[in-house]
PDB file of N, CA and C in Angstrom:
ATOM      1  N   MET A   1     -93.672 115.392   0.633  1.00  0.00           N
ATOM      2  CA  MET A   1     -94.032 115.676   1.629  1.00  0.00           C
ATOM      3  C   MET A   1     -95.247 116.018   1.368  1.00  0.00           C
ATOM      4  N   GLN A   2     -96.700 115.993   2.431  1.00  0.00           N
ATOM      5  CA  GLN A   2     -97.570 115.743   2.000  1.00  0.00           C
ATOM      6  C   GLN A   2     -97.656 117.384   2.977  1.00  0.00           C
ATOM      7  N   PRO A   3     -98.498 118.664   2.908  1.00  0.00           N
ATOM      8  CA  PRO A   3     -98.644 119.225   3.910  1.00  0.00           C
ATOM      9  C   PRO A   3     -99.639 118.845   4.534  1.00  0.00           C
ATOM     10  N   GLN A   4     -99.322 119.395   6.200  1.00  0.00           N
ATOM     11  CA  GLN A   4     -99.910 119.435   7.136  1.00  0.00           C
ATOM     12  C   GLN A   4    -100.766 120.521   7.427  1.00  0.00           C
ATOM     13  N   ILE A   5    -102.373 120.327   7.637  1.00  0.00           N
ATOM     14  CA  ILE A   5    -102.909 121.912   8.179  1.00  0.00           C
ATOM     15  C   ILE A   5    -102.748 121.795   9.785  1.00  0.00           C
ATOM     16  N   VAL A   6    -101.983 122.531  10.010  1.00  0.00           N
ATOM     17  CA  VAL A   6    -101.865 123.357  10.707  1.00  0.00           C
ATOM     18  C   VAL A   6    -103.207 123.504  11.659  1.00  0.00           C
ATOM     19  N   ALA A   7    -103.583 124.694  11.251  1.00  0.00           N
ATOM     20  CA  ALA A   7    -104.862 125.687  12.084  1.00  0.00           C
ATOM     21  C   ALA A   7    -106.503 126.259  11.063  1.00  0.00           C
ATOM     22  N   THR A   8    -107.334 126.874  11.052  1.00  0.00           N
ATOM     23  CA  THR A   8    -108.457 126.512  10.617  1.00  0.00           C
ATOM     24  C   THR A   8    -108.918 127.294  11.009  1.00  0.00           C
ATOM     25  N   TRP A   9    -109.759 128.501  11.017  1.00  0.00           N
ATOM     26  CA  TRP A   9    -110.976 129.258  11.436  1.00  0.00           C
ATOM     27  C   TRP A   9    -111.641 129.806  10.361  1.00  0.00           C
ATOM     28  N   SER A  10    -112.837 130.239  10.984  1.00  0.00           N
ATOM     29  CA  SER A  10    -113.879 131.174   9.894  1.00  0.00           C
ATOM     30  C   SER A  10    -114.234 132.461  10.374  1.00  0.00           C
ATOM     31  N   ARG A  11    -113.955 133.619   9.317  1.00  0.00           N
ATOM     32  CA  ARG A  11    -114.767 134.848   9.040  1.00  0.00           C
ATOM     33  C   ARG A  11    -115.658 134.895   8.211  1.00  0.00           C
ATOM     34  N   PRO A  12    -116.548 135.225   8.529  1.00  0.00           N
ATOM     35  CA  PRO A  12    -117.868 135.800   7.893  1.00  0.00           C
ATOM     36  C   PRO A  12    -117.449 136.068   6.126  1.00  0.00           C
ATOM     37  N   GLU A  13    -116.093 136.392   6.165  1.00  0.00           N
ATOM     38  CA  GLU A  13    -116.035 136.689   4.395  1.00  0.00           C
ATOM     39  C   GLU A  13    -115.406 135.887   3.794  1.00  0.00           C
ATOM     40  N   GLY A  14    -115.233 134.486   4.628  1.00  0.00           N
ATOM     41  CA  GLY A  14    -114.610 132.913   4.163  1.00  0.00           C
ATOM     42  C   GLY A  14    -113.535 132.277   5.060  1.00  0.00           C
ATOM     43  N   ARG A  15    -112.994 131.067   5.245  1.00  0.00           N
ATOM     44  CA  ARG A  15    -112.114 130.237   5.932  1.00  0.00           C
ATOM     45  C   ARG A  15    -111.084 130.742   5.142  1.00  0.00           C
ATOM     46  N   TYR A  16    -109.942 130.361   6.814  1.00  0.00           N
ATOM     47  CA  TYR A  16    -108.863 130.801   6.142  1.00  0.00           C
ATOM     48  C   TYR A  16    -108.072 129.444   6.872  1.00  0.00           C
ATOM     49  N   GLU A  17    -106.760 129.162   6.647  1.00  0.00           N
ATOM     50  CA  GLU A  17    -106.105 127.800   6.562  1.00  0.00           C
ATOM     51  C   GLU A  17    -104.587 128.269   6.661  1.00  0.00           C
ATOM     52  N   LEU A  18    -104.255 127.895   8.013  1.00  0.00           N
ATOM     53  CA  LEU A  18    -102.116 128.325   8.048  1.00  0.00           C
ATOM     54  C   LEU A  18    -101.711 126.583   7.689  1.00  0.00           C
ATOM     55  N   ILE A  19    -101.342 126.524   6.574  1.00  0.00           N
ATOM     56  CA  ILE A  19    -100.888 125.384   5.743  1.00  0.00           C
ATOM     57  C   ILE A  19     -99.420 125.137   6.198  1.00  0.00           C
ATOM     58  N   PHE A  20     -98.379 124.185   7.143  1.00  0.00           N
ATOM     59  CA  PHE A  20     -97.652 123.832   7.690  1.00  0.00           C
ATOM     60  C   PHE A  20     -96.756 123.431   6.283  1.00  0.00           C
ATOM     61  N   TYR A  21     -95.740 123.318   5.021  1.00  0.00           N
ATOM     62  CA  TYR A  21     -94.849 122.347   4.526  1.00  0.00           C
ATOM     63  C   TYR A  21     -93.826 121.744   5.201  1.00  0.00           C
ATOM     64  N   PRO A  22     -93.679 120.400   5.447  1.00  0.00           N
ATOM     65  CA  PRO A  22     -92.361 120.497   6.562  1.00  0.00           C
ATOM     66  C   PRO A  22     -91.065 120.357   5.511  1.00  0.00           C
ATOM     67  N   CYS A  23     -90.408 120.456   6.159  1.00  0.00           N
ATOM     68  CA  CYS A  23     -88.284 120.748   5.650  1.00  0.00           C
ATOM     69  C   CYS A  23     -87.779 119.526   5.247  1.00  0.00           C
ATOM     70  N   PRO A  24     -87.590 119.827   3.544  1.00  0.00           N
ATOM     71  CA  PRO A  24     -87.291 117.559   3.018  1.00  0.00           C
ATOM     72  C   PRO A  24     -86.457 117.603   3.998  1.00  0.00           C
ATOM     73  N   ALA A  25     -85.770 116.599   3.979  1.00  0.00           N
ATOM     74  CA  ALA A  25     -84.550 116.047   4.953  1.00  0.00           C
ATOM     75  C   ALA A  25     -83.335 116.551   3.826  1.00  0.00           C
ATOM     76  N   PRO A  26     -82.110 117.233   5.139  1.00  0.00           N
ATOM     77  CA  PRO A  26     -80.967 117.064   4.456  1.00  0.00           C
ATOM     78  C   PRO A  26     -80.592 116.704   3.893  1.00  0.00           C
ATOM     79  N   LEU A  27     -79.803 116.482   2.314  1.00  0.00           N
ATOM     80  CA  LEU A  27     -79.249 115.339   1.636  1.00  0.00           C
ATOM     81  C   LEU A  27     -78.025 115.168   1.926  1.00  0.00           C
ATOM     82  N   PRO A  28     -77.589 113.828   2.716  1.00  0.00           N
ATOM     83  CA  PRO A  28     -76.415 113.364   2.557  1.00  0.00           C
ATOM     84  C   PRO A  28     -74.354 114.203   2.638  1.00  0.00           C
ATOM     85  N   GLY A  29     -74.301 114.266   1.385  1.00  0.00           N
ATOM     86  CA  GLY A  29     -73.814 114.515   0.672  1.00  0.00           C
ATOM     87  C   GLY A  29     -74.071 116.089   0.173  1.00  0.00           C
ATOM     88  N   ASP A  30     -74.325 116.701   0.902  1.00  0.00           N
ATOM     89  CA  ASP A  30     -74.892 118.153   1.139  1.00  0.00           C
ATOM     90  C   ASP A  30     -73.810 118.990   1.942  1.00  0.00           C
ATOM     91  N   PRO A  31     -72.464 119.487   1.602  1.00  0.00           N
ATOM     92  CA  PRO A  31     -72.011 119.850   2.512  1.00  0.00           C
ATOM     93  C   PRO A  31     -71.836 120.781   2.877  1.00  0.00           C
ATOM     94  N   LEU A  32     -71.716 122.069   4.025  1.00  0.00           N
ATOM     95  CA  LEU A  32     -71.396 123.487   4.132  1.00  0.00           C
ATOM     96  C   LEU A  32     -70.466 123.935   3.651  1.00  0.00           C
ATOM     97  N   SER A  33     -70.353 124.916   2.970  1.00  0.00           N
ATOM     98  CA  SER A  33     -69.731 125.890   1.752  1.00  0.00           C
ATOM     99  C   SER A  33     -68.655 125.904   2.981  1.00  0.00           C
ATOM    100  N   PRO A  34     -67.639 126.473   2.501  1.00  0.00           N
ATOM    101  CA  PRO A  34     -65.983 126.955   3.580  1.00  0.00           C
ATOM    102  C   PRO A  34     -67.110 128.611   4.331  1.00  0.00           C
ATOM    103  N   ARG A  35     -67.745 129.320   3.525  1.00  0.00           N
ATOM    104  CA  ARG A  35     -67.843 130.609   4.467  1.00  0.00           C
ATOM    105  C   ARG A  35     -69.077 130.338   5.319  1.00  0.00           C
ATOM    106  N   GLU A  36     -70.113 129.432   4.874  1.00  0.00           N
ATOM    107  CA  GLU A  36     -71.408 128.528   5.766  1.00  0.00           C
ATOM    108  C   GLU A  36     -70.915 128.173   7.044  1.00  0.00           C
ATOM    109  N   LEU A  37     -69.616 127.509   6.889  1.00  0.00           N
ATOM    110  CA  LEU A  37     -69.123 127.545   7.588  1.00  0.00           C
ATOM    111  C   LEU A  37     -67.984 128.403   8.792  1.00  0.00           C
ATOM    112  N   GLU A  38     -68.083 128.656   8.208  1.00  0.00           N
ATOM    113  CA  GLU A  38     -66.773 130.401   9.084  1.00  0.00           C
ATOM    114  C   GLU A  38     -68.275 130.943   9.885  1.00  0.00           C
ATOM    115  N   VAL A  39     -69.231 131.216   9.496  1.00  0.00           N
ATOM    116  CA  VAL A  39     -70.124 131.680   9.863  1.00  0.00           C
ATOM    117  C   VAL A  39     -71.112 130.971  10.787  1.00  0.00           C
ATOM    118  N   ALA A  40     -71.116 129.980  10.963  1.00  0.00           N
ATOM    119  CA  ALA A  40     -71.497 128.434  12.122  1.00  0.00           C
ATOM    120  C   ALA A  40     -70.915 129.050  13.268  1.00  0.00           C
ATOM    121  N   ARG A  41     -69.569 128.822  12.762  1.00  0.00           N
ATOM    122  CA  ARG A  41     -68.414 128.259  14.574  1.00  0.00           C
ATOM    123  C   ARG A  41     -68.382 129.681  14.724  1.00  0.00           C
ATOM    124  N   LEU A  42     -68.740 131.182  14.097  1.00  0.00           N
ATOM    125  CA  LEU A  42     -68.898 132.452  14.633  1.00  0.00           C
ATOM    126  C   LEU A  42     -70.540 133.119  16.087  1.00  0.00           C
ATOM    127  N   VAL A  43     -71.229 131.907  15.423  1.00  0.00           N
ATOM    128  CA  VAL A  43     -72.408 132.055  15.696  1.00  0.00           C
ATOM    129  C   VAL A  43     -72.259 130.942  17.136  1.00  0.00           C
ATOM    130  N   ALA A  44     -71.343 129.897  16.538  1.00  0.00           N
ATOM    131  CA  ALA A  44     -71.223 129.430  17.882  1.00  0.00           C
ATOM    132  C   ALA A  44     -70.541 129.389  19.380  1.00  0.00           C
ATOM    133  N   SER A  45     -69.495 130.160  18.418  1.00  0.00           N
ATOM    134  CA  SER A  45     -69.001 131.701  19.211  1.00  0.00           C
ATOM    135  C   SER A  45     -69.766 133.081  20.568  1.00  0.00           C
ATOM    136  N   GLY A  46     -70.771 132.931  20.224  1.00  0.00           N
ATOM    137  CA  GLY A  46     -71.675 133.982  20.389  1.00  0.00           C
ATOM    138  C   GLY A  46     -71.412 134.976  20.095  1.00  0.00           C
ATOM    139  N   LEU A  47     -71.212 135.330  18.662  1.00  0.00           N
ATOM    140  CA  LEU A  47     -71.409 136.098  18.027  1.00  0.00           C
ATOM    141  C   LEU A  47     -73.068 136.678  17.660  1.00  0.00           C
ATOM    142  N   PRO A  48     -73.917 137.642  17.396  1.00  0.00           N
ATOM    143  CA  PRO A  48     -74.889 137.512  17.162  1.00  0.00           C
ATOM    144  C   PRO A  48     -74.591 137.519  15.787  1.00  0.00           C
ATOM    145  N   ASN A  49     -76.019 138.211  14.501  1.00  0.00           N
ATOM    146  CA  ASN A  49     -75.482 138.288  12.867  1.00  0.00           C
ATOM    147  C   ASN A  49     -74.770 139.417  12.767  1.00  0.00           C
ATOM    148  N   LYS A  50     -74.663 140.476  13.657  1.00  0.00           N
ATOM    149  CA  LYS A  50     -74.544 142.024  12.792  1.00  0.00           C
ATOM    150  C   LYS A  50     -72.718 142.135  13.355  1.00  0.00           C
ATOM    151  N   LEU A  51     -72.554 141.343  14.171  1.00  0.00           N
ATOM    152  CA  LEU A  51     -70.840 141.082  14.576  1.00  0.00           C
ATOM    153  C   LEU A  51     -70.052 139.770  13.553  1.00  0.00           C
ATOM    154  N   VAL A  52     -70.707 139.913  13.221  1.00  0.00           N
ATOM    155  CA  VAL A  52     -70.929 138.434  12.389  1.00  0.00           C
ATOM    156  C   VAL A  52     -70.376 139.214  11.065  1.00  0.00           C
ATOM    157  N   ALA A  53     -71.107 139.709  10.968  1.00  0.00           N
ATOM    158  CA  ALA A  53     -71.306 140.455   9.524  1.00  0.00           C
ATOM    159  C   ALA A  53     -70.286 141.563   8.800  1.00  0.00           C
ATOM    160  N   HIS A  54     -70.159 142.261  10.857  1.00  0.00           N
ATOM    161  CA  HIS A  54     -68.372 143.360  10.764  1.00  0.00           C
ATOM    162  C   HIS A  54     -66.848 142.680  10.130  1.00  0.00           C
ATOM    163  N   ARG A  55     -67.663 140.986  11.236  1.00  0.00           N
ATOM    164  CA  ARG A  55     -66.126 140.454  11.285  1.00  0.00           C
ATOM    165  C   ARG A  55     -65.974 139.951  10.284  1.00  0.00           C
ATOM    166  N   LEU A  56     -66.665 139.374   9.210  1.00  0.00           N
ATOM    167  CA  LEU A  56     -66.219 139.337   7.966  1.00  0.00           C
ATOM    168  C   LEU A  56     -66.736 140.214   6.861  1.00  0.00           C
ATOM    169  N   ASN A  57     -66.906 141.248   6.997  1.00  0.00           N
ATOM    170  CA  ASN A  57     -66.898 142.232   5.697  1.00  0.00           C
ATOM    171  C   ASN A  57     -67.934 142.007   5.042  1.00  0.00           C
ATOM    172  N   ILE A  58     -69.307 141.170   4.959  1.00  0.00           N
ATOM    173  CA  ILE A  58     -70.477 140.313   4.603  1.00  0.00           C
ATOM    174  C   ILE A  58     -71.464 141.713   5.245  1.00  0.00           C
ATOM    175  N   SER A  59     -72.363 141.734   4.120  1.00  0.00           N
ATOM    176  CA  SER A  59     -74.132 142.347   5.076  1.00  0.00           C
ATOM    177  C   SER A  59     -74.312 141.512   6.001  1.00  0.00           C
ATOM    178  N   ASN A  60     -75.551 141.826   6.931  1.00  0.00           N
ATOM    179  CA  ASN A  60     -76.516 141.290   7.597  1.00  0.00           C
ATOM    180  C   ASN A  60     -76.954 140.572   6.877  1.00  0.00           C
ATOM    181  N   TRP A  61     -77.438 140.689   5.641  1.00  0.00           N
ATOM    182  CA  TRP A  61     -78.121 140.258   4.787  1.00  0.00           C
ATOM    183  C   TRP A  61     -77.678 138.865   4.044  1.00  0.00           C
ATOM    184  N   THR A  62     -76.491 138.954   3.687  1.00  0.00           N
ATOM    185  CA  THR A  62     -75.434 137.544   3.737  1.00  0.00           C
ATOM    186  C   THR A  62     -75.591 136.767   4.917  1.00  0.00           C
ATOM    187  N   VAL A  63     -75.603 137.241   6.299  1.00  0.00           N
ATOM    188  CA  VAL A  63     -75.260 136.708   7.598  1.00  0.00           C
ATOM    189  C   VAL A  63     -76.579 135.901   7.446  1.00  0.00           C
ATOM    190  N   CYS A  64     -77.424 136.046   7.481  1.00  0.00           N
ATOM    191  CA  CYS A  64     -78.896 135.664   7.616  1.00  0.00           C
ATOM    192  C   CYS A  64     -78.772 134.062   6.242  1.00  0.00           C
ATOM    193  N   THR A  65     -78.399 134.994   4.979  1.00  0.00           N
ATOM    194  CA  THR A  65     -78.565 134.562   3.555  1.00  0.00           C
ATOM    195  C   THR A  65     -77.693 132.445   4.155  1.00  0.00           C
ATOM    196  N   HIS A  66     -76.830 132.722   4.846  1.00  0.00           N
ATOM    197  CA  HIS A  66     -75.740 131.498   5.262  1.00  0.00           C
ATOM    198  C   HIS A  66     -76.706 130.667   5.920  1.00  0.00           C
ATOM    199  N   LEU A  67     -77.339 131.509   6.899  1.00  0.00           N
ATOM    200  CA  LEU A  67     -77.302 130.798   7.832  1.00  0.00           C
ATOM    201  C   LEU A  67     -78.867 130.109   8.076  1.00  0.00           C
ATOM    202  N   ARG A  68     -79.571 130.598   6.579  1.00  0.00           N
ATOM    203  CA  ARG A  68     -80.813 130.338   5.729  1.00  0.00           C
ATOM    204  C   ARG A  68     -80.455 128.836   4.756  1.00  0.00           C
ATOM    205  N   ARG A  69     -79.564 129.097   4.842  1.00  0.00           N
ATOM    206  CA  ARG A  69     -78.822 127.934   3.772  1.00  0.00           C
ATOM    207  C   ARG A  69     -77.895 126.499   5.051  1.00  0.00           C
ATOM    208  N   THR A  70     -77.511 126.691   5.945  1.00  0.00           N
ATOM    209  CA  THR A  70     -77.513 125.939   6.605  1.00  0.00           C
ATOM    210  C   THR A  70     -78.185 125.009   7.264  1.00  0.00           C
ATOM    211  N   PHE A  71     -79.109 126.081   7.665  1.00  0.00           N
ATOM    212  CA  PHE A  71     -80.441 125.654   9.324  1.00  0.00           C
ATOM    213  C   PHE A  71     -80.568 124.093   7.421  1.00  0.00           C
ATOM    214  N   SER A  72     -80.943 124.704   6.415  1.00  0.00           N
ATOM    215  CA  SER A  72     -81.493 123.711   6.208  1.00  0.00           C
ATOM    216  C   SER A  72     -80.841 122.235   5.785  1.00  0.00           C
ATOM    217  N   LYS A  73     -79.387 122.545   5.323  1.00  0.00           N
ATOM    218  CA  LYS A  73     -78.819 121.437   4.985  1.00  0.00           C
ATOM    219  C   LYS A  73     -78.819 120.747   6.387  1.00  0.00           C
ATOM    220  N   LEU A  74     -78.535 121.043   7.250  1.00  0.00           N
ATOM    221  CA  LEU A  74     -78.587 120.510   8.729  1.00  0.00           C
ATOM    222  C   LEU A  74     -80.376 119.635   9.589  1.00  0.00           C
ATOM    223  N   GLY A  75     -80.659 120.412   9.068  1.00  0.00           N
ATOM    224  CA  GLY A  75     -82.208 119.855   9.052  1.00  0.00           C
ATOM    225  C   GLY A  75     -82.407 120.346  10.149  1.00  0.00           C
ATOM    226  N   VAL A  76     -82.339 121.555  10.710  1.00  0.00           N
ATOM    227  CA  VAL A  76     -82.799 122.284  11.664  1.00  0.00           C
ATOM    228  C   VAL A  76     -83.358 123.998  11.738  1.00  0.00           C
ATOM    229  N   THR A  77     -83.521 124.304  12.891  1.00  0.00           N
ATOM    230  CA  THR A  77     -84.734 125.804  12.761  1.00  0.00           C
ATOM    231  C   THR A  77     -84.233 126.194  13.289  1.00  0.00           C
ATOM    232  N   THR A  78     -83.275 126.133  14.958  1.00  0.00           N
ATOM    233  CA  THR A  78     -82.614 127.310  15.712  1.00  0.00           C
ATOM    234  C   THR A  78     -81.437 127.082  15.618  1.00  0.00           C
ATOM    235  N   ARG A  79     -80.290 128.341  16.334  1.00  0.00           N
ATOM    236  CA  ARG A  79     -79.465 128.056  16.308  1.00  0.00           C
ATOM    237  C   ARG A  79     -78.439 127.327  17.193  1.00  0.00           C
ATOM    238  N   ALA A  80     -79.113 127.191  18.004  1.00  0.00           N
ATOM    239  CA  ALA A  80     -78.875 126.323  19.230  1.00  0.00           C
ATOM    240  C   ALA A  80     -78.925 124.877  18.321  1.00  0.00           C
ATOM    241  N   ALA A  81     -79.950 124.496  18.029  1.00  0.00           N
ATOM    242  CA  ALA A  81     -79.581 123.321  17.233  1.00  0.00           C
ATOM    243  C   ALA A  81     -78.725 122.870  15.498  1.00  0.00           C
ATOM    244  N   MET A  82     -78.685 124.159  15.056  1.00  0.00           N
ATOM    245  CA  MET A  82     -77.283 124.532  14.286  1.00  0.00           C
ATOM    246  C   MET A  82     -75.959 123.664  15.104  1.00  0.00           C
ATOM    247  N   VAL A  83     -75.619 125.059  16.094  1.00  0.00           N
ATOM    248  CA  VAL A  83     -75.085 124.570  17.022  1.00  0.00           C
ATOM    249  C   VAL A  83     -73.964 123.011  17.697  1.00  0.00           C
ATOM    250  N   ASP A  84     -75.974 122.487  18.554  1.00  0.00           N
ATOM    251  CA  ASP A  84     -75.542 121.468  19.041  1.00  0.00           C
ATOM    252  C   ASP A  84     -75.479 119.720  17.037  1.00  0.00           C
ATOM    253  N   ARG A  85     -75.991 120.226  16.277  1.00  0.00           N
ATOM    254  CA  ARG A  85     -75.664 119.730  15.271  1.00  0.00           C
ATOM    255  C   ARG A  85     -73.672 119.825  14.946  1.00  0.00           C
ATOM    256  N   LEU A  86     -73.996 120.600  14.495  1.00  0.00           N
ATOM    257  CA  LEU A  86     -72.319 121.089  14.563  1.00  0.00           C
ATOM    258  C   LEU A  86     -71.471 120.337  14.941  1.00  0.00           C
ATOM    259  N   HIS A  87     -71.588 120.742  16.691  1.00  0.00           N
ATOM    260  CA  HIS A  87     -70.834 120.147  17.646  1.00  0.00           C
ATOM    261  C   HIS A  87     -70.856 118.247  17.555  1.00  0.00           C
ATOM    262  N   GLN A  88     -71.882 117.743  17.203  1.00  0.00           N
ATOM    263  CA  GLN A  88     -72.392 115.933  17.372  1.00  0.00           C
ATOM    264  C   GLN A  88     -71.291 115.915  15.395  1.00  0.00           C
ATOM    265  N   THR A  89     -71.377 116.186  14.591  1.00  0.00           N
ATOM    266  CA  THR A  89     -70.275 115.524  13.407  1.00  0.00           C
ATOM    267  C   THR A  89     -68.790 116.152  13.419  1.00  0.00           C
ATOM    268  N   GLY A  90     -68.539 117.042  14.773  1.00  0.00           N
ATOM    269  CA  GLY A  90     -67.311 117.089  14.556  1.00  0.00           C
ATOM    270  C   GLY A  90     -66.656 118.910  14.155  1.00  0.00           C
ATOM    271  N   ALA A  91     -67.567 118.994  13.911  1.00  0.00           N
ATOM    272  CA  ALA A  91     -66.717 120.673  12.193  1.00  0.00           C
ATOM    273  C   ALA A  91     -66.651 121.530  13.081  1.00  0.00           C
ATOM    274  N   LEU A  92     -67.362 121.580  14.500  1.00  0.00           N
ATOM    275  CA  LEU A  92     -66.742 123.175  14.778  1.00  0.00           C
ATOM    276  C   LEU A  92     -65.319 122.200  15.507  1.00  0.00           C
ATOM    277  N   ARG A  93     -64.618 121.123  15.623  1.00  0.00           N
ATOM    278  CA  ARG A  93     -63.872 121.020  16.464  1.00  0.00           C
ATOM    279  C   ARG A  93     -62.238 121.939  15.983  1.00  0.00           C
TER     280      ARG A  93
END
């Protein structure tokens, strides 16, 4: 995928560019791990990351890592989009 230049601006000391690298499409055979699905279900129930971490006895950083990987696998960028995609696929039933 080709990067897209989103914004450019000039400063006296040089030119700066903000470059956006689009996320590759998720692989269709790349399922969520059991732990990623468990974290996603708790997030779908409305819990914030800290409570998910407390309930699963893992660190907040680990919750963030699971969510980041889940977002990547599902091709989404928000928690709401993740929940919607999991509902569409039937993973939250």
